[in-house]
Amino acid sequence: MGAVQGCCALRSKEGKPALDQGASRKVATVASASVGFGDHVVFAPLWATPGAEQKKRIAVIGSEQLRVYEVVESAESVSFELCFHQFADPGESFTACSFWSSSESTKLVAAVFKAVPIASSGKAKADEDPLAWQLQKSAVLRVWDFEQDGKIVRELGSSSKRHQQQVSCIAVNPTKVVSADDQGECFVWNKADPAQGLVTKLIHSGGVGGIDCDRVCLYSVGALDRTIGVWDIRNLNALQTIDVAATPGLGKLRALLSVCRPASRWAAVASQKTPAAQGFIFVSAWSEQGEGLLMEWTLGNPKCRSLVRAHAAKINCMAYGPYDNGPILSTGADGHIRVWHHAAMKCISQAQEKSGSVKSLCVEPQVRFYGVTDGGVLKAYSLVQGDGHTDSSDAGSSILLTVR
């Protein structure tokens, strides 16, 4: 089955969404491959550079392995072809990844966590006493170049400035690489010269749940402090902090899980100079009752415009269109994949994944989206005409709050 146009599409030149989010659609699997692992999956390019032919690649990482697949398309089918495979070295593990650029798939950056046992000072018989040893923890960002046969071309954090905990998320824009860790520390690296202009800051207490960025701003959610942060990406000065836990009407939350900032292809190439908390973002959260929630927040004058009980269990992953017209995609520990109208926050399609819950999602604009299950299966999905099984009686999904 070939690529089905319409899923996660770029808006038309007339400003009308290319995807009719009110139409009856169903989620269909168009390709799959057994990977055997998979905590994170990423895709590039999100948009093509005019006149340049880019290979479509998907990277899948688990703690011990990293694989990169080329997406091979024909008139009749879609398939995955393994083009790179890397094992973590002893004492190391992979924890997060992203392609170096949204507009090409030639380089991949992955977080590598190291835990090395060292002898504690003052212990005379460290070789005999297990208590005389402690783990020295650190993390670096390693960059592979597939145009150089997967050669490691950079390692960010190889000097004294590096993360001291596991990196939980990575985001990129044309000039920066941003990484955040389980302690709440954020690093902003300059792509042109990572050793110069490095900015670091503790942006959340209790760890960072997720980050997203554009040219001028970084957007983050604190996993345990349950705050939303908007930051000037150049210096990590705070532009806005929203205390979600203290917002009336949202109920009690265990954690904030991820954040998505709607991206426009034109905004991505526009000359933006003034950082400001404006527009809107989507946030996923985990309720005290164990349910997965989706929220839409306006920035500047902050307001939660929508709150949806999206899944009966914790949300594993959320992804956005990624362009202005959506849709929003979510997967939960309940095994459901759901597609949401970005404006109405209404479920327009859903499917039950039979090979395990989908742990991570990524989007190929105008074509399809990809996921990796907890059973280690990489899949390509498309939205096709048909019954999306969006009966509002489904207990896993309901609108809790709408403010327009």
Foldseek 3Di string as FASTA:
>chain_A
DAWDFAFLAAQDPVRHRSHPLQAFWAKDFFEKDFQQAFQEKEWDQLAEDPPDDAWIKMWGFDFFKIWIWTWDGDPVGIYTHTQDIDTADPQKTWAEKYAQENHHRFKIKTKIKGWDKDFAPPDPCSVVDVVRIGTFIWIWIWMFGVVVVRDTDDIQPPPPDTGRAGWNYWEYAPFWIWTWHQQQKIWIAGPVDRVPQIEIDRPEGRTWQEWYDADFWIWTAHFAQGKIFIAGSSHRDTQDIGRPCPDPPPAAFRTWHYKADQDAPCSSPDDDDDDHQADKMKTWTAHPQAFIKIWIWGTPPTDTAWIKRQFRHHWLEWDWSNHDQTWIWTWGQVQKIFTAGNPVRATSAMDGDPQATFNYKYDRHRTWIWTAHRSRMITTMDMDRDHRPRPVVPPRIDIRHHHD
